[in-house]
Amino acid sequence: MGRFFDTLYSTFASNEEGENTQRRKLCLDGVKFEWDAVRTMITRFDAAQQTNLTNVVKAYFGDQMTTFRQDMTAMGG
């Protein structure tokens, strides 16, 4: 999960820098990515094994995390 968010952050930072490079050429103010556009959801949730970790993740993401948890299923792994 950490690698995913590192990749997501790097992608947004790269897009932001590219956008701001063009905006500077046009003498426009820079823009900053707003993380409020991102929502997270726990998937493959197993209450017997992941409740504590899920609570830590929820505390970190706060309102950016949905309260819905997708349970682990036989089909979903």
PDB file of N, CA and C in Angstrom:
ATOM      1  N   MET A   1       0.835  -1.180   0.000  1.00  0.00           N
ATOM      2  CA  MET A   1       0.000   0.000   0.000  1.00  0.00           C
ATOM      3  C   MET A   1       0.882   1.247   0.000  1.00  0.00           C
ATOM      4  N   GLY A   2       1.961   1.198   0.753  1.00  0.00           N
ATOM      5  CA  GLY A   2       2.868   2.340   0.793  1.00  0.00           C
ATOM      6  C   GLY A   2       3.458   2.659  -0.566  1.00  0.00           C
ATOM      7  N   ARG A   3       3.849   1.618  -1.294  1.00  0.00           N
ATOM      8  CA  ARG A   3       4.404   1.832  -2.641  1.00  0.00           C
ATOM      9  C   ARG A   3       3.370   2.445  -3.573  1.00  0.00           C
ATOM     10  N   PHE A   4       2.128   2.001  -3.433  1.00  0.00           N
ATOM     11  CA  PHE A   4       1.069   2.553  -4.277  1.00  0.00           C
ATOM     12  C   PHE A   4       0.941   4.059  -4.050  1.00  0.00           C
ATOM     13  N   PHE A   5       0.912   4.484  -2.777  1.00  0.00           N
ATOM     14  CA  PHE A   5       0.760   5.908  -2.499  1.00  0.00           C
ATOM     15  C   PHE A   5       2.013   6.701  -2.859  1.00  0.00           C
ATOM     16  N   ASP A   6       3.185   6.089  -2.749  1.00  0.00           N
ATOM     17  CA  ASP A   6       4.402   6.742  -3.235  1.00  0.00           C
ATOM     18  C   ASP A   6       4.312   6.993  -4.738  1.00  0.00           C
ATOM     19  N   THR A   7       3.851   5.975  -5.463  1.00  0.00           N
ATOM     20  CA  THR A   7       3.690   6.112  -6.912  1.00  0.00           C
ATOM     21  C   THR A   7       2.635   7.157  -7.248  1.00  0.00           C
ATOM     22  N   LEU A   8       1.521   7.129  -6.534  1.00  0.00           N
ATOM     23  CA  LEU A   8       0.463   8.109  -6.753  1.00  0.00           C
ATOM     24  C   LEU A   8       0.982   9.524  -6.505  1.00  0.00           C
ATOM     25  N   TYR A   9       1.691   9.717  -5.399  1.00  0.00           N
ATOM     26  CA  TYR A   9       2.251  11.028  -5.074  1.00  0.00           C
ATOM     27  C   TYR A   9       3.223  11.478  -6.167  1.00  0.00           C
ATOM     28  N   SER A  10       4.113  10.586  -6.593  1.00  0.00           N
ATOM     29  CA  SER A  10       5.086  10.933  -7.631  1.00  0.00           C
ATOM     30  C   SER A  10       4.405  11.329  -8.936  1.00  0.00           C
ATOM     31  N   THR A  11       3.350  10.598  -9.280  1.00  0.00           N
ATOM     32  CA  THR A  11       2.609  10.910 -10.506  1.00  0.00           C
ATOM     33  C   THR A  11       1.970  12.286 -10.415  1.00  0.00           C
ATOM     34  N   PHE A  12       1.289  12.571  -9.297  1.00  0.00           N
ATOM     35  CA  PHE A  12       0.653  13.880  -9.129  1.00  0.00           C
ATOM     36  C   PHE A  12       1.694  14.997  -9.092  1.00  0.00           C
ATOM     37  N   ALA A  13       2.829  14.751  -8.438  1.00  0.00           N
ATOM     38  CA  ALA A  13       3.887  15.762  -8.372  1.00  0.00           C
ATOM     39  C   ALA A  13       4.453  16.050  -9.758  1.00  0.00           C
ATOM     40  N   SER A  14       4.617  15.002 -10.562  1.00  0.00           N
ATOM     41  CA  SER A  14       5.115  15.170 -11.921  1.00  0.00           C
ATOM     42  C   SER A  14       4.119  15.958 -12.770  1.00  0.00           C
ATOM     43  N   ASN A  15       2.840  15.622 -12.653  1.00  0.00           N
ATOM     44  CA  ASN A  15       1.806  16.358 -13.391  1.00  0.00           C
ATOM     45  C   ASN A  15       1.758  17.817 -12.946  1.00  0.00           C
ATOM     46  N   GLU A  16       1.855  18.027 -11.647  1.00  0.00           N
ATOM     47  CA  GLU A  16       1.829  19.384 -11.107  1.00  0.00           C
ATOM     48  C   GLU A  16       3.010  20.193 -11.634  1.00  0.00           C
ATOM     49  N   GLU A  17       4.192  19.603 -11.645  1.00  0.00           N
ATOM     50  CA  GLU A  17       5.377  20.316 -12.124  1.00  0.00           C
ATOM     51  C   GLU A  17       5.257  20.633 -13.612  1.00  0.00           C
ATOM     52  N   GLY A  18       4.773  19.678 -14.397  1.00  0.00           N
ATOM     53  CA  GLY A  18       4.578  19.926 -15.827  1.00  0.00           C
ATOM     54  C   GLY A  18       3.587  21.053 -16.071  1.00  0.00           C
ATOM     55  N   GLU A  19       2.498  21.036 -15.342  1.00  0.00           N
ATOM     56  CA  GLU A  19       1.488  22.094 -15.463  1.00  0.00           C
ATOM     57  C   GLU A  19       2.080  23.444 -15.071  1.00  0.00           C
ATOM     58  N   ASN A  20       2.817  23.460 -13.974  1.00  0.00           N
ATOM     59  CA  ASN A  20       3.380  24.728 -13.509  1.00  0.00           C
ATOM     60  C   ASN A  20       4.478  25.256 -14.416  1.00  0.00           C
ATOM     61  N   THR A  21       5.208  24.368 -15.072  1.00  0.00           N
ATOM     62  CA  THR A  21       6.212  24.806 -16.049  1.00  0.00           C
ATOM     63  C   THR A  21       5.529  25.585 -17.172  1.00  0.00           C
ATOM     64  N   GLN A  22       4.425  25.052 -17.657  1.00  0.00           N
ATOM     65  CA  GLN A  22       3.681  25.735 -18.720  1.00  0.00           C
ATOM     66  C   GLN A  22       3.057  27.037 -18.216  1.00  0.00           C
ATOM     67  N   ARG A  23       2.535  27.008 -16.996  1.00  0.00           N
ATOM     68  CA  ARG A  23       1.903  28.211 -16.434  1.00  0.00           C
ATOM     69  C   ARG A  23       2.929  29.332 -16.232  1.00  0.00           C
ATOM     70  N   ARG A  24       4.150  28.969 -15.809  1.00  0.00           N
ATOM     71  CA  ARG A  24       5.198  29.994 -15.636  1.00  0.00           C
ATOM     72  C   ARG A  24       5.530  30.664 -16.962  1.00  0.00           C
ATOM     73  N   LYS A  25       5.548  29.889 -18.034  1.00  0.00           N
ATOM     74  CA  LYS A  25       5.819  30.453 -19.361  1.00  0.00           C
ATOM     75  C   LYS A  25       4.760  31.473 -19.755  1.00  0.00           C
ATOM     76  N   LEU A  26       3.550  31.297 -19.243  1.00  0.00           N
ATOM     77  CA  LEU A  26       2.440  32.209 -19.547  1.00  0.00           C
ATOM     78  C   LEU A  26       2.241  33.261 -18.454  1.00  0.00           C
ATOM     79  N   CYS A  27       3.201  33.321 -17.516  1.00  0.00           N
ATOM     80  CA  CYS A  27       3.145  34.278 -16.401  1.00  0.00           C
ATOM     81  C   CYS A  27       1.884  34.085 -15.549  1.00  0.00           C
ATOM     82  N   LEU A  28       1.490  32.837 -15.373  1.00  0.00           N
ATOM     83  CA  LEU A  28       0.339  32.514 -14.542  1.00  0.00           C
ATOM     84  C   LEU A  28       0.809  31.948 -13.206  1.00  0.00           C
ATOM     85  N   ASP A  29      -0.027  32.077 -12.194  1.00  0.00           N
ATOM     86  CA  ASP A  29       0.276  31.496 -10.891  1.00  0.00           C
ATOM     87  C   ASP A  29       0.326  29.977 -10.992  1.00  0.00           C
ATOM     88  N   GLY A  30       1.124  29.369 -10.131  1.00  0.00           N
ATOM     89  CA  GLY A  30       1.228  27.921 -10.087  1.00  0.00           C
ATOM     90  C   GLY A  30      -0.012  27.290  -9.487  1.00  0.00           C
ATOM     91  N   VAL A  31      -0.152  26.017  -9.719  1.00  0.00           N
ATOM     92  CA  VAL A  31      -1.259  25.257  -9.148  1.00  0.00           C
ATOM     93  C   VAL A  31      -0.685  24.172  -8.251  1.00  0.00           C
ATOM     94  N   LYS A  32      -1.486  23.720  -7.307  1.00  0.00           N
ATOM     95  CA  LYS A  32      -1.086  22.653  -6.398  1.00  0.00           C
ATOM     96  C   LYS A  32      -2.189  21.606  -6.371  1.00  0.00           C
ATOM     97  N   PHE A  33      -1.787  20.352  -6.478  1.00  0.00           N
ATOM     98  CA  PHE A  33      -2.761  19.268  -6.462  1.00  0.00           C
ATOM     99  C   PHE A  33      -3.485  19.256  -5.126  1.00  0.00           C
ATOM    100  N   GLU A  34      -4.793  19.112  -5.178  1.00  0.00           N
ATOM    101  CA  GLU A  34      -5.616  19.057  -3.971  1.00  0.00           C
ATOM    102  C   GLU A  34      -5.945  17.599  -3.680  1.00  0.00           C
ATOM    103  N   TRP A  35      -5.436  17.095  -2.583  1.00  0.00           N
ATOM    104  CA  TRP A  35      -5.632  15.691  -2.230  1.00  0.00           C
ATOM    105  C   TRP A  35      -7.063  15.371  -1.856  1.00  0.00           C
ATOM    106  N   ASP A  36      -7.910  16.376  -1.712  1.00  0.00           N
ATOM    107  CA  ASP A  36      -9.308  16.086  -1.382  1.00  0.00           C
ATOM    108  C   ASP A  36     -10.028  15.399  -2.532  1.00  0.00           C
ATOM    109  N   ALA A  37      -9.382  15.302  -3.687  1.00  0.00           N
ATOM    110  CA  ALA A  37      -9.962  14.593  -4.828  1.00  0.00           C
ATOM    111  C   ALA A  37      -9.740  13.081  -4.721  1.00  0.00           C
ATOM    112  N   VAL A  38      -8.948  12.647  -3.755  1.00  0.00           N
ATOM    113  CA  VAL A  38      -8.598  11.240  -3.603  1.00  0.00           C
ATOM    114  C   VAL A  38      -9.403  10.623  -2.468  1.00  0.00           C
ATOM    115  N   ARG A  39      -9.947   9.453  -2.707  1.00  0.00           N
ATOM    116  CA  ARG A  39     -10.664   8.699  -1.677  1.00  0.00           C
ATOM    117  C   ARG A  39     -10.045   7.303  -1.589  1.00  0.00           C
ATOM    118  N   THR A  40     -10.015   6.762  -0.407  1.00  0.00           N
ATOM    119  CA  THR A  40      -9.454   5.435  -0.204  1.00  0.00           C
ATOM    120  C   THR A  40     -10.522   4.502   0.354  1.00  0.00           C
ATOM    121  N   MET A  41     -10.304   3.206   0.130  1.00  0.00           N
ATOM    122  CA  MET A  41     -11.243   2.202   0.620  1.00  0.00           C
ATOM    123  C   MET A  41     -10.444   0.940   0.937  1.00  0.00           C
ATOM    124  N   ILE A  42     -10.755   0.325   2.057  1.00  0.00           N
ATOM    125  CA  ILE A  42     -10.123  -0.946   2.416  1.00  0.00           C
ATOM    126  C   ILE A  42     -10.769  -2.053   1.590  1.00  0.00           C
ATOM    127  N   THR A  43      -9.946  -2.852   0.933  1.00  0.00           N
ATOM    128  CA  THR A  43     -10.446  -3.996   0.166  1.00  0.00           C
ATOM    129  C   THR A  43      -9.807  -5.269   0.720  1.00  0.00           C
ATOM    130  N   ARG A  44     -10.393  -6.380   0.390  1.00  0.00           N
ATOM    131  CA  ARG A  44      -9.916  -7.682   0.849  1.00  0.00           C
ATOM    132  C   ARG A  44      -9.809  -7.694   2.374  1.00  0.00           C
ATOM    133  N   PHE A  45     -10.824  -7.108   3.027  1.00  0.00           N
ATOM    134  CA  PHE A  45     -10.825  -6.945   4.474  1.00  0.00           C
ATOM    135  C   PHE A  45     -11.183  -8.238   5.180  1.00  0.00           C
ATOM    136  N   ASP A  46     -10.364  -8.614   6.157  1.00  0.00           N
ATOM    137  CA  ASP A  46     -10.613  -9.781   7.010  1.00  0.00           C
ATOM    138  C   ASP A  46     -10.594  -9.271   8.447  1.00  0.00           C
ATOM    139  N   ALA A  47     -11.772  -9.156   9.054  1.00  0.00           N
ATOM    140  CA  ALA A  47     -11.903  -8.565  10.389  1.00  0.00           C
ATOM    141  C   ALA A  47     -11.058  -9.296  11.423  1.00  0.00           C
ATOM    142  N   ALA A  48     -10.888 -10.588  11.274  1.00  0.00           N
ATOM    143  CA  ALA A  48     -10.119 -11.369  12.246  1.00  0.00           C
ATOM    144  C   ALA A  48      -8.640 -11.002  12.232  1.00  0.00           C
ATOM    145  N   GLN A  49      -8.145 -10.479  11.113  1.00  0.00           N
ATOM    146  CA  GLN A  49      -6.710 -10.216  10.987  1.00  0.00           C
ATOM    147  C   GLN A  49      -6.360  -8.743  10.762  1.00  0.00           C
ATOM    148  N   GLN A  50      -7.299  -7.933  10.321  1.00  0.00           N
ATOM    149  CA  GLN A  50      -6.923  -6.595   9.864  1.00  0.00           C
ATOM    150  C   GLN A  50      -7.612  -5.437  10.569  1.00  0.00           C
ATOM    151  N   THR A  51      -8.375  -5.687  11.603  1.00  0.00           N
ATOM    152  CA  THR A  51      -9.122  -4.608  12.244  1.00  0.00           C
ATOM    153  C   THR A  51      -8.195  -3.532  12.805  1.00  0.00           C
ATOM    154  N   ASN A  52      -7.148  -3.931  13.528  1.00  0.00           N
ATOM    155  CA  ASN A  52      -6.236  -2.930  14.110  1.00  0.00           C
ATOM    156  C   ASN A  52      -5.539  -2.111  13.032  1.00  0.00           C
ATOM    157  N   LEU A  53      -5.018  -2.776  12.002  1.00  0.00           N
ATOM    158  CA  LEU A  53      -4.353  -2.061  10.918  1.00  0.00           C
ATOM    159  C   LEU A  53      -5.322  -1.135  10.198  1.00  0.00           C
ATOM    160  N   THR A  54      -6.528  -1.607   9.984  1.00  0.00           N
ATOM    161  CA  THR A  54      -7.539  -0.788   9.320  1.00  0.00           C
ATOM    162  C   THR A  54      -7.835   0.472  10.128  1.00  0.00           C
ATOM    163  N   ASN A  55      -7.881   0.355  11.442  1.00  0.00           N
ATOM    164  CA  ASN A  55      -8.112   1.528  12.287  1.00  0.00           C
ATOM    165  C   ASN A  55      -6.963   2.521  12.199  1.00  0.00           C
ATOM    166  N   VAL A  56      -5.742   2.038  12.080  1.00  0.00           N
ATOM    167  CA  VAL A  56      -4.575   2.921  11.919  1.00  0.00           C
ATOM    168  C   VAL A  56      -4.661   3.661  10.588  1.00  0.00           C
ATOM    169  N   VAL A  57      -4.985   2.914   9.534  1.00  0.00           N
ATOM    170  CA  VAL A  57      -5.106   3.531   8.211  1.00  0.00           C
ATOM    171  C   VAL A  57      -6.230   4.570   8.214  1.00  0.00           C
ATOM    172  N   LYS A  58      -7.351   4.242   8.844  1.00  0.00           N
ATOM    173  CA  LYS A  58      -8.485   5.172   8.934  1.00  0.00           C
ATOM    174  C   LYS A  58      -8.078   6.438   9.686  1.00  0.00           C
ATOM    175  N   ALA A  59      -7.316   6.292  10.759  1.00  0.00           N
ATOM    176  CA  ALA A  59      -6.858   7.460  11.517  1.00  0.00           C
ATOM    177  C   ALA A  59      -5.959   8.339  10.665  1.00  0.00           C
ATOM    178  N   TYR A  60      -5.143   7.737   9.815  1.00  0.00           N
ATOM    179  CA  TYR A  60      -4.234   8.493   8.954  1.00  0.00           C
ATOM    180  C   TYR A  60      -4.988   9.233   7.851  1.00  0.00           C
ATOM    181  N   PHE A  61      -5.913   8.553   7.189  1.00  0.00           N
ATOM    182  CA  PHE A  61      -6.612   9.151   6.055  1.00  0.00           C
ATOM    183  C   PHE A  61      -7.846   9.955   6.449  1.00  0.00           C
ATOM    184  N   GLY A  62      -8.392   9.719   7.622  1.00  0.00           N
ATOM    185  CA  GLY A  62      -9.539  10.487   8.103  1.00  0.00           C
ATOM    186  C   GLY A  62     -10.698  10.470   7.126  1.00  0.00           C
ATOM    187  N   ASP A  63     -11.191  11.654   6.790  1.00  0.00           N
ATOM    188  CA  ASP A  63     -12.366  11.778   5.925  1.00  0.00           C
ATOM    189  C   ASP A  63     -12.109  11.362   4.479  1.00  0.00           C
ATOM    190  N   GLN A  64     -10.851  11.148   4.129  1.00  0.00           N
ATOM    191  CA  GLN A  64     -10.555  10.718   2.763  1.00  0.00           C
ATOM    192  C   GLN A  64     -10.787   9.220   2.580  1.00  0.00           C
ATOM    193  N   MET A  65     -11.108   8.528   3.651  1.00  0.00           N
ATOM    194  CA  MET A  65     -11.383   7.105   3.556  1.00  0.00           C
ATOM    195  C   MET A  65     -12.875   6.858   3.728  1.00  0.00           C
ATOM    196  N   THR A  66     -13.411   6.034   2.873  1.00  0.00           N
ATOM    197  CA  THR A  66     -14.816   5.669   3.011  1.00  0.00           C
ATOM    198  C   THR A  66     -14.978   4.746   4.217  1.00  0.00           C
ATOM    199  N   THR A  67     -16.159   4.693   4.776  1.00  0.00           N
ATOM    200  CA  THR A  67     -16.411   3.785   5.894  1.00  0.00           C
ATOM    201  C   THR A  67     -16.700   2.377   5.404  1.00  0.00           C
ATOM    202  N   PHE A  68     -16.973   2.225   4.109  1.00  0.00           N
ATOM    203  CA  PHE A  68     -17.237   0.920   3.525  1.00  0.00           C
ATOM    204  C   PHE A  68     -15.957   0.104   3.476  1.00  0.00           C
ATOM    205  N   ARG A  69     -16.037  -1.152   3.798  1.00  0.00           N
ATOM    206  CA  ARG A  69     -14.901  -2.077   3.678  1.00  0.00           C
ATOM    207  C   ARG A  69     -15.336  -3.246   2.819  1.00  0.00           C
ATOM    208  N   GLN A  70     -14.585  -3.495   1.781  1.00  0.00           N
ATOM    209  CA  GLN A  70     -14.879  -4.632   0.904  1.00  0.00           C
ATOM    210  C   GLN A  70     -14.285  -5.882   1.538  1.00  0.00           C
ATOM    211  N   ASP A  71     -15.158  -6.785   1.981  1.00  0.00           N
ATOM    212  CA  ASP A  71     -14.691  -8.014   2.634  1.00  0.00           C
ATOM    213  C   ASP A  71     -13.955  -8.922   1.655  1.00  0.00           C
ATOM    214  N   MET A  72     -13.053  -9.720   2.235  1.00  0.00           N
ATOM    215  CA  MET A  72     -12.387 -10.727   1.439  1.00  0.00           C
ATOM    216  C   MET A  72     -13.430 -11.790   1.074  1.00  0.00           C
ATOM    217  N   THR A  73     -13.414 -12.201  -0.165  1.00  0.00           N
ATOM    218  CA  THR A  73     -14.356 -13.212  -0.624  1.00  0.00           C
ATOM    219  C   THR A  73     -13.592 -14.349  -1.284  1.00  0.00           C
ATOM    220  N   ALA A  74     -14.235 -15.466  -1.456  1.00  0.00           N
ATOM    221  CA  ALA A  74     -13.607 -16.606  -2.124  1.00  0.00           C
ATOM    222  C   ALA A  74     -13.211 -16.239  -3.552  1.00  0.00           C
ATOM    223  N   MET A  75     -14.037 -15.432  -4.221  1.00  0.00           N
ATOM    224  CA  MET A  75     -13.754 -15.052  -5.599  1.00  0.00           C
ATOM    225  C   MET A  75     -12.731 -13.914  -5.662  1.00  0.00           C
ATOM    226  N   GLY A  76     -12.762 -13.012  -4.681  1.00  0.00           N
ATOM    227  CA  GLY A  76     -11.896 -11.838  -4.719  1.00  0.00           C
ATOM    228  C   GLY A  76     -10.566 -12.033  -4.044  1.00  0.00           C
ATOM    229  N   GLY A  77     -10.323 -13.197  -3.498  1.00  0.00           N
ATOM    230  CA  GLY A  77      -9.044 -13.518  -2.905  1.00  0.00           C
ATOM    231  C   GLY A  77      -8.857 -13.076  -1.534  1.00  0.00           C
TER     232      GLY A  77
END
